[in-house]
Amino acid sequence: MSDPFLGEIRMVGFNFAPVGWALCQGQIVSVSQNSALFALLGTTFGGNGQTSFGLPNFSSRSPVGTGSGPGLSTIDWGEISGNENITLNQLQLPQHTHVATATGGSGTAQVSVPATTATTNPESMPAANAVLGPASASGHAATIYSTATANTTLAPFNVSVQTPAPTVTVAQTGSNAPVPLRNPYLGTTFIIALQGVYPSRG
């Protein structure tokens, strides 16, 4: 390999770090043994800054350029962010509907029309709390009742019926399963140069 810049990061197809390089796995290393590299990295990737500092950690992570692209968020040097999975909340779901099922709230009622067989105190006009009773004409009972099968319907009348309140059940949906965010990937090895040419600012 050509002489790298000190602190240069490369991606290789093998699974180890060559001599003079280290894996980018977030190791904490000694300042005294790597003073030049510490001068470049500082504690950007970890360490206490007195006796130790950290190397970049690309384990299960992808690199991204620093700065702010058009329409994109600003990325700072050494910033770590992102999630492999995320669970959506109600505000993040698209507008949708649920099936509602109503049960109960209906029934049958038996209506009884009160009558009397008494012939006392008959009235010619209906009145409050009056009931049906035998009718008479010229001293003879009127034949207004029949036991034959009904073949017509009287005009409707108001009946007060109390029915139970319906129970409405809204169908549930979803299971709070996390949504995967990771793009298709291929695992490779990232290494950082522990030795090399100290980079000068242009």
C-alpha atoms as a PDB file:
ATOM      1  CA  MET A   1       0.000   0.000   0.000  1.00  0.00           C
ATOM      2  CA  SER A   2       1.259   3.518  -0.779  1.00  0.00           C
ATOM      3  CA  ASP A   3       2.137   5.747   2.151  1.00  0.00           C
ATOM      4  CA  PRO A   4      -1.175   6.969   3.509  1.00  0.00           C
ATOM      5  CA  PHE A   5      -1.957  10.151   5.333  1.00  0.00           C
ATOM      6  CA  LEU A   6      -1.929   9.659   9.079  1.00  0.00           C
ATOM      7  CA  GLY A   7      -5.551   9.126  10.101  1.00  0.00           C
ATOM      8  CA  GLU A   8      -6.605   8.168   6.580  1.00  0.00           C
ATOM      9  CA  ILE A   9      -9.531   5.716   6.461  1.00  0.00           C
ATOM     10  CA  ARG A  10      -9.782   3.045   3.802  1.00  0.00           C
ATOM     11  CA  MET A  11     -12.229   0.274   3.027  1.00  0.00           C
ATOM     12  CA  VAL A  12     -10.694  -3.121   2.227  1.00  0.00           C
ATOM     13  CA  GLY A  13     -12.001  -6.498   1.205  1.00  0.00           C
ATOM     14  CA  PHE A  14     -10.139  -8.528   3.839  1.00  0.00           C
ATOM     15  CA  ASN A  15     -11.115  -8.787   7.494  1.00  0.00           C
ATOM     16  CA  PHE A  16      -8.009  -7.575   9.353  1.00  0.00           C
ATOM     17  CA  ALA A  17      -5.909  -4.448   9.755  1.00  0.00           C
ATOM     18  CA  PRO A  18      -2.416  -4.535   8.173  1.00  0.00           C
ATOM     19  CA  VAL A  19       0.670  -3.391  10.043  1.00  0.00           C
ATOM     20  CA  GLY A  20       0.496   0.325  10.743  1.00  0.00           C
ATOM     21  CA  TRP A  21      -3.300   0.321  10.538  1.00  0.00           C
ATOM     22  CA  ALA A  22      -6.134  -0.363  12.978  1.00  0.00           C
ATOM     23  CA  LEU A  23      -9.705  -1.494  12.536  1.00  0.00           C
ATOM     24  CA  CYS A  24     -12.289   1.273  12.776  1.00  0.00           C
ATOM     25  CA  GLN A  25     -14.210  -0.279  15.649  1.00  0.00           C
ATOM     26  CA  GLY A  26     -14.197   2.518  18.208  1.00  0.00           C
ATOM     27  CA  GLN A  27     -11.153   1.315  20.147  1.00  0.00           C
ATOM     28  CA  ILE A  28      -9.782   3.556  22.904  1.00  0.00           C
ATOM     29  CA  VAL A  29      -6.028   3.991  22.363  1.00  0.00           C
ATOM     30  CA  SER A  30      -3.183   5.663  24.222  1.00  0.00           C
ATOM     31  CA  VAL A  31      -2.373   9.316  23.613  1.00  0.00           C
ATOM     32  CA  SER A  32       1.292   8.821  24.494  1.00  0.00           C
ATOM     33  CA  GLN A  33       1.722   6.079  21.903  1.00  0.00           C
ATOM     34  CA  ASN A  34      -0.232   7.883  19.174  1.00  0.00           C
ATOM     35  CA  SER A  35       0.363  11.568  19.871  1.00  0.00           C
ATOM     36  CA  ALA A  36       0.425  12.639  16.222  1.00  0.00           C
ATOM     37  CA  LEU A  37      -2.857  10.868  15.466  1.00  0.00           C
ATOM     38  CA  PHE A  38      -4.362  12.344  18.643  1.00  0.00           C
ATOM     39  CA  ALA A  39      -3.417  15.799  17.383  1.00  0.00           C
ATOM     40  CA  LEU A  40      -5.620  15.131  14.346  1.00  0.00           C
ATOM     41  CA  LEU A  41      -8.574  13.339  15.935  1.00  0.00           C
ATOM     42  CA  GLY A  42      -8.694  14.709  19.480  1.00  0.00           C
ATOM     43  CA  THR A  43     -11.635  13.255  21.413  1.00  0.00           C
ATOM     44  CA  THR A  44     -14.008  13.459  18.443  1.00  0.00           C
ATOM     45  CA  PHE A  45     -14.526   9.701  18.575  1.00  0.00           C
ATOM     46  CA  GLY A  46     -14.177   9.173  22.338  1.00  0.00           C
ATOM     47  CA  GLY A  47     -11.577   9.013  25.083  1.00  0.00           C
ATOM     48  CA  ASN A  48     -10.775  11.352  27.967  1.00  0.00           C
ATOM     49  CA  GLY A  49      -8.340  13.562  26.070  1.00  0.00           C
ATOM     50  CA  GLN A  50      -5.686  13.187  28.758  1.00  0.00           C
ATOM     51  CA  THR A  51      -4.415   9.658  28.412  1.00  0.00           C
ATOM     52  CA  SER A  52      -6.724   8.192  25.784  1.00  0.00           C
ATOM     53  CA  PHE A  53      -8.707   8.952  22.651  1.00  0.00           C
ATOM     54  CA  GLY A  54     -11.048   6.954  20.442  1.00  0.00           C
ATOM     55  CA  LEU A  55     -10.844   5.686  16.892  1.00  0.00           C
ATOM     56  CA  PRO A  56     -13.839   5.943  14.540  1.00  0.00           C
ATOM     57  CA  ASN A  57     -16.351   3.122  14.824  1.00  0.00           C
ATOM     58  CA  PHE A  58     -17.807   1.857  11.562  1.00  0.00           C
ATOM     59  CA  SER A  59     -19.161  -1.379  13.040  1.00  0.00           C
ATOM     60  CA  SER A  60     -22.628  -1.806  11.485  1.00  0.00           C
ATOM     61  CA  ARG A  61     -22.527   1.824  10.306  1.00  0.00           C
ATOM     62  CA  SER A  62     -22.201   3.585   6.979  1.00  0.00           C
ATOM     63  CA  PRO A  63     -20.098   6.729   6.419  1.00  0.00           C
ATOM     64  CA  VAL A  64     -21.657  10.002   5.325  1.00  0.00           C
ATOM     65  CA  GLY A  65     -20.046  13.266   4.286  1.00  0.00           C
ATOM     66  CA  THR A  66     -19.984  16.187   6.703  1.00  0.00           C
ATOM     67  CA  GLY A  67     -21.617  19.507   5.938  1.00  0.00           C
ATOM     68  CA  SER A  68     -25.069  20.386   4.689  1.00  0.00           C
ATOM     69  CA  GLY A  69     -26.347  19.271   1.297  1.00  0.00           C
ATOM     70  CA  PRO A  70     -29.291  20.961  -0.483  1.00  0.00           C
ATOM     71  CA  GLY A  71     -32.468  20.055   1.365  1.00  0.00           C
ATOM     72  CA  LEU A  72     -30.554  17.831   3.803  1.00  0.00           C
ATOM     73  CA  SER A  73     -29.658  18.079   7.480  1.00  0.00           C
ATOM     74  CA  THR A  74     -26.242  19.291   8.590  1.00  0.00           C
ATOM     75  CA  ILE A  75     -23.806  16.509   9.515  1.00  0.00           C
ATOM     76  CA  ASP A  76     -20.990  17.386  11.924  1.00  0.00           C
ATOM     77  CA  TRP A  77     -17.574  15.755  12.095  1.00  0.00           C
ATOM     78  CA  GLY A  78     -17.801  12.676  14.319  1.00  0.00           C
ATOM     79  CA  GLU A  79     -21.596  12.878  14.644  1.00  0.00           C
ATOM     80  CA  ILE A  80     -23.334   9.547  15.269  1.00  0.00           C
ATOM     81  CA  SER A  81     -27.012   9.264  14.456  1.00  0.00           C
ATOM     82  CA  GLY A  82     -29.656   7.096  12.842  1.00  0.00           C
ATOM     83  CA  ASN A  83     -31.626   3.988  13.759  1.00  0.00           C
ATOM     84  CA  GLU A  84     -31.759   0.572  12.158  1.00  0.00           C
ATOM     85  CA  ASN A  85     -35.459   0.287  12.982  1.00  0.00           C
ATOM     86  CA  ILE A  86     -38.127   2.739  14.069  1.00  0.00           C
ATOM     87  CA  THR A  87     -41.632   2.320  15.494  1.00  0.00           C
ATOM     88  CA  LEU A  88     -44.091   4.761  13.952  1.00  0.00           C
ATOM     89  CA  ASN A  89     -46.452   6.691  16.198  1.00  0.00           C
ATOM     90  CA  GLN A  90     -49.981   7.886  15.442  1.00  0.00           C
ATOM     91  CA  LEU A  91     -48.863  11.250  14.037  1.00  0.00           C
ATOM     92  CA  GLN A  92     -46.596   9.532  11.497  1.00  0.00           C
ATOM     93  CA  LEU A  93     -49.277   7.256  10.049  1.00  0.00           C
ATOM     94  CA  PRO A  94     -51.161   8.211   6.869  1.00  0.00           C
ATOM     95  CA  GLN A  95     -54.795   9.177   7.221  1.00  0.00           C
ATOM     96  CA  HIS A  96     -56.941   6.045   7.312  1.00  0.00           C
ATOM     97  CA  THR A  97     -60.219   4.620   8.581  1.00  0.00           C
ATOM     98  CA  HIS A  98     -61.200   1.750  10.853  1.00  0.00           C
ATOM     99  CA  VAL A  99     -64.173  -0.586  10.665  1.00  0.00           C
ATOM    100  CA  ALA A 100     -66.731   0.112  13.414  1.00  0.00           C
ATOM    101  CA  THR A 101     -69.214  -2.619  14.382  1.00  0.00           C
ATOM    102  CA  ALA A 102     -72.343  -1.783  16.398  1.00  0.00           C
ATOM    103  CA  THR A 103     -74.028  -4.512  18.443  1.00  0.00           C
ATOM    104  CA  GLY A 104     -77.159  -4.327  20.536  1.00  0.00           C
ATOM    105  CA  GLY A 105     -79.490  -1.345  20.524  1.00  0.00           C
ATOM    106  CA  SER A 106     -82.381  -3.265  18.947  1.00  0.00           C
ATOM    107  CA  GLY A 107     -85.034  -5.680  20.138  1.00  0.00           C
ATOM    108  CA  THR A 108     -88.685  -6.639  20.013  1.00  0.00           C
ATOM    109  CA  ALA A 109     -91.514  -5.333  22.162  1.00  0.00           C
ATOM    110  CA  GLN A 110     -94.995  -6.726  22.770  1.00  0.00           C
ATOM    111  CA  VAL A 111     -97.731  -4.099  22.709  1.00  0.00           C
ATOM    112  CA  SER A 112    -100.981  -4.802  24.564  1.00  0.00           C
ATOM    113  CA  VAL A 113    -104.086  -2.665  23.932  1.00  0.00           C
ATOM    114  CA  PRO A 114    -106.111  -2.524  27.175  1.00  0.00           C
ATOM    115  CA  ALA A 115    -109.851  -3.291  27.012  1.00  0.00           C
ATOM    116  CA  THR A 116    -112.686  -4.013  29.423  1.00  0.00           C
ATOM    117  CA  THR A 117    -115.766  -6.223  29.347  1.00  0.00           C
ATOM    118  CA  ALA A 118    -117.750  -3.842  31.550  1.00  0.00           C
ATOM    119  CA  THR A 119    -120.661  -1.948  30.027  1.00  0.00           C
ATOM    120  CA  THR A 120    -120.850   0.723  32.703  1.00  0.00           C
ATOM    121  CA  ASN A 121    -120.010   4.342  32.065  1.00  0.00           C
ATOM    122  CA  PRO A 122    -119.514   4.083  28.311  1.00  0.00           C
ATOM    123  CA  GLU A 123    -118.336   7.165  26.421  1.00  0.00           C
ATOM    124  CA  SER A 124    -118.885   8.131  22.809  1.00  0.00           C
ATOM    125  CA  MET A 125    -115.535   9.980  22.494  1.00  0.00           C
ATOM    126  CA  PRO A 126    -112.029   8.850  23.451  1.00  0.00           C
ATOM    127  CA  ALA A 127    -110.530  10.489  26.518  1.00  0.00           C
ATOM    128  CA  ALA A 128    -107.356  10.314  28.564  1.00  0.00           C
ATOM    129  CA  ASN A 129    -106.882   6.951  30.315  1.00  0.00           C
ATOM    130  CA  ALA A 130    -109.942   5.510  28.536  1.00  0.00           C
ATOM    131  CA  VAL A 131    -109.858   1.874  27.378  1.00  0.00           C
ATOM    132  CA  LEU A 132    -111.740  -0.084  24.771  1.00  0.00           C
ATOM    133  CA  GLY A 133    -115.036  -1.556  25.901  1.00  0.00           C
ATOM    134  CA  PRO A 134    -118.156  -3.187  24.456  1.00  0.00           C
ATOM    135  CA  ALA A 135    -120.149  -0.973  22.136  1.00  0.00           C
ATOM    136  CA  SER A 136    -123.948  -1.005  21.965  1.00  0.00           C
ATOM    137  CA  ALA A 137    -126.516   0.334  19.560  1.00  0.00           C
ATOM    138  CA  SER A 138    -130.256   0.528  20.400  1.00  0.00           C
ATOM    139  CA  GLY A 139    -129.604  -1.516  23.525  1.00  0.00           C
ATOM    140  CA  HIS A 140    -127.817  -4.298  21.646  1.00  0.00           C
ATOM    141  CA  ALA A 141    -124.091  -4.984  21.693  1.00  0.00           C
ATOM    142  CA  ALA A 142    -122.364  -4.065  18.449  1.00  0.00           C
ATOM    143  CA  THR A 143    -120.575  -6.901  16.678  1.00  0.00           C
ATOM    144  CA  ILE A 144    -117.181  -5.267  16.183  1.00  0.00           C
ATOM    145  CA  TYR A 145    -114.925  -8.177  17.249  1.00  0.00           C
ATOM    146  CA  SER A 146    -113.783 -11.169  15.228  1.00  0.00           C
ATOM    147  CA  THR A 147    -111.598 -14.210  15.744  1.00  0.00           C
ATOM    148  CA  ALA A 148    -110.805 -14.564  12.038  1.00  0.00           C
ATOM    149  CA  THR A 149    -107.275 -14.018  10.677  1.00  0.00           C
ATOM    150  CA  ALA A 150    -106.465 -10.325  10.296  1.00  0.00           C
ATOM    151  CA  ASN A 151    -106.323  -9.077   6.704  1.00  0.00           C
ATOM    152  CA  THR A 152    -105.639  -5.357   7.112  1.00  0.00           C
ATOM    153  CA  THR A 153    -103.749  -2.954   9.376  1.00  0.00           C
ATOM    154  CA  LEU A 154    -105.038  -0.123  11.518  1.00  0.00           C
ATOM    155  CA  ALA A 155    -103.382   3.263  11.397  1.00  0.00           C
ATOM    156  CA  PRO A 156    -100.110   3.350  13.390  1.00  0.00           C
ATOM    157  CA  PHE A 157     -99.968   4.764  16.880  1.00  0.00           C
ATOM    158  CA  ASN A 158     -97.116   5.882  19.122  1.00  0.00           C
ATOM    159  CA  VAL A 159     -95.575   3.345  21.476  1.00  0.00           C
ATOM    160  CA  SER A 160     -92.771   4.199  23.926  1.00  0.00           C
ATOM    161  CA  VAL A 161     -90.192   1.386  23.973  1.00  0.00           C
ATOM    162  CA  GLN A 162     -86.886   1.509  25.857  1.00  0.00           C
ATOM    163  CA  THR A 163     -84.062  -0.304  24.095  1.00  0.00           C
ATOM    164  CA  PRO A 164     -80.520  -0.852  25.433  1.00  0.00           C
ATOM    165  CA  ALA A 165     -77.782   1.464  24.181  1.00  0.00           C
ATOM    166  CA  PRO A 166     -75.744  -0.096  21.354  1.00  0.00           C
ATOM    167  CA  THR A 167     -72.141  -1.151  21.896  1.00  0.00           C
ATOM    168  CA  VAL A 168     -69.777   0.183  19.222  1.00  0.00           C
ATOM    169  CA  THR A 169     -66.491  -1.659  18.707  1.00  0.00           C
ATOM    170  CA  VAL A 170     -63.768  -0.091  16.542  1.00  0.00           C
ATOM    171  CA  ALA A 171     -61.505  -2.646  14.896  1.00  0.00           C
ATOM    172  CA  GLN A 172     -57.844  -2.462  15.891  1.00  0.00           C
ATOM    173  CA  THR A 173     -55.080  -2.459  13.336  1.00  0.00           C
ATOM    174  CA  GLY A 174     -51.308  -2.652  13.454  1.00  0.00           C
ATOM    175  CA  SER A 175     -49.003  -4.436  15.878  1.00  0.00           C
ATOM    176  CA  ASN A 176     -46.345  -1.802  16.778  1.00  0.00           C
ATOM    177  CA  ALA A 177     -43.770  -3.807  14.830  1.00  0.00           C
ATOM    178  CA  PRO A 178     -40.623  -1.739  14.124  1.00  0.00           C
ATOM    179  CA  VAL A 179     -40.148  -0.569  10.531  1.00  0.00           C
ATOM    180  CA  PRO A 180     -36.698  -1.480   9.121  1.00  0.00           C
ATOM    181  CA  LEU A 181     -34.778   1.491   7.691  1.00  0.00           C
ATOM    182  CA  ARG A 182     -31.516  -0.114   6.591  1.00  0.00           C
ATOM    183  CA  ASN A 183     -30.683  -0.027   2.899  1.00  0.00           C
ATOM    184  CA  PRO A 184     -29.313  -3.101   1.126  1.00  0.00           C
ATOM    185  CA  TYR A 185     -25.722  -3.516   2.303  1.00  0.00           C
ATOM    186  CA  LEU A 186     -22.479  -5.463   1.951  1.00  0.00           C
ATOM    187  CA  GLY A 187     -20.191  -5.874   4.943  1.00  0.00           C
ATOM    188  CA  THR A 188     -16.584  -4.737   4.404  1.00  0.00           C
ATOM    189  CA  THR A 189     -13.691  -3.700   6.654  1.00  0.00           C
ATOM    190  CA  PHE A 190     -12.793  -0.093   7.487  1.00  0.00           C
ATOM    191  CA  ILE A 191      -9.226   0.604   8.634  1.00  0.00           C
ATOM    192  CA  ILE A 192      -7.446   3.771   9.802  1.00  0.00           C
ATOM    193  CA  ALA A 193      -3.772   4.582   9.345  1.00  0.00           C
ATOM    194  CA  LEU A 194      -1.798   4.762  12.602  1.00  0.00           C
ATOM    195  CA  GLN A 195       1.359   5.652  10.683  1.00  0.00           C
ATOM    196  CA  GLY A 196       1.872   7.792   7.624  1.00  0.00           C
ATOM    197  CA  VAL A 197       2.388  11.279   6.296  1.00  0.00           C
ATOM    198  CA  TYR A 198       1.126  13.975   8.627  1.00  0.00           C
ATOM    199  CA  PRO A 199      -1.375  15.982   6.557  1.00  0.00           C
ATOM    200  CA  SER A 200      -0.736  19.692   6.203  1.00  0.00           C
ATOM    201  CA  ARG A 201      -3.605  22.090   5.665  1.00  0.00           C
ATOM    202  CA  GLY A 202      -3.875  23.459   2.156  1.00  0.00           C
END
